[in-house]
């Protein structure tokens, strides 16, 4: 897949959604206290071309195509 900023093709960094896991320390009700120091992140879903991708430089919504 490839993302392109509609305002400037030189803009090549984008904000989009990914899903990751992390280990939490919680109380007896399951309420968050903090991220556990020994936590390791695991990617559950990588960036998708169906998500919104926003240019970091100018904020424009990027065009994303699957290659």
Protein backbone atom coordinates (compact mmCIF):
# COMPACT_ATOMS: atom_id res chain seq x y z
CA UNK A 1 0.00 0.00 0.00
CA UNK A 2 1.11 3.58 -0.52
CA UNK A 3 -0.12 6.82 1.01
CA UNK A 4 0.21 10.15 -0.77
CA UNK A 5 -0.46 13.63 0.58
CA UNK A 6 -2.77 15.51 -1.80
CA UNK A 7 -1.05 18.83 -0.98
CA UNK A 8 2.60 17.81 -1.41
CA UNK A 9 4.00 14.48 -2.60
CA UNK A 10 7.13 15.19 -0.54
CA UNK A 11 5.12 14.79 2.68
CA UNK A 12 5.72 11.14 3.53
CA UNK A 13 4.76 10.71 7.20
CA UNK A 14 1.19 9.99 8.27
CA UNK A 15 -0.96 9.38 11.33
CA UNK A 16 -3.26 6.35 11.20
CA UNK A 17 -4.65 3.70 13.53
CA UNK A 18 -2.96 0.46 14.52
CA UNK A 19 -4.02 -1.92 17.25
CA UNK A 20 -1.43 -3.11 19.76
CA UNK A 21 -1.58 -4.96 23.05
CA UNK A 22 0.15 -4.05 26.31
CA UNK A 23 0.10 -5.46 29.82
CA UNK A 24 -1.56 -3.36 32.51
CA UNK A 25 -1.52 -3.29 36.27
CA UNK A 26 -5.18 -3.09 37.34
CA UNK A 27 -7.11 -2.98 40.59
CA UNK A 28 -9.57 -5.65 41.76
CA UNK A 29 -12.31 -4.17 39.52
CA UNK A 30 -10.10 -4.17 36.43
CA UNK A 31 -9.57 -0.40 36.45
CA UNK A 32 -6.29 0.78 34.93
CA UNK A 33 -3.48 1.76 37.30
CA UNK A 34 -0.43 1.79 35.03
CA UNK A 35 1.31 -0.02 32.18
CA UNK A 36 3.32 -2.89 33.61
CA UNK A 37 7.07 -2.18 33.39
CA UNK A 38 7.75 -5.58 31.84
CA UNK A 39 5.07 -5.08 29.19
CA UNK A 40 5.89 -5.89 25.60
CA UNK A 41 3.81 -4.58 22.73
CA UNK A 42 2.32 -6.94 20.18
CA UNK A 43 0.79 -5.75 16.92
CA UNK A 44 -2.76 -7.06 16.55
CA UNK A 45 -3.71 -5.15 13.37
CA UNK A 46 -1.27 -3.26 11.16
CA UNK A 47 -2.24 -0.04 9.31
CA UNK A 48 -5.08 -0.57 6.87
CA UNK A 49 -5.75 1.28 3.62
CA UNK A 50 -9.36 1.58 4.81
CA UNK A 51 -8.35 3.71 7.83
CA UNK A 52 -8.05 7.48 7.67
CA UNK A 53 -4.45 8.55 7.11
CA UNK A 54 -3.57 12.14 8.03
CA UNK A 55 -0.44 13.94 6.81
CA UNK A 56 1.79 14.82 9.78
CA UNK A 57 3.06 18.00 8.07
CA UNK A 58 -0.13 19.67 6.80
CA UNK A 59 -3.02 17.64 8.24
CA UNK A 60 -4.54 16.71 4.88
CA UNK A 61 -6.29 13.38 4.49
CA UNK A 62 -4.00 11.19 2.41
CA UNK A 63 -4.96 9.08 -0.54
CA UNK A 64 -4.06 5.43 0.14
CA UNK A 65 -3.91 2.79 -2.54
CA UNK A 66 -3.09 -0.91 -2.34
CA UNK A 67 -0.19 -1.90 -4.54
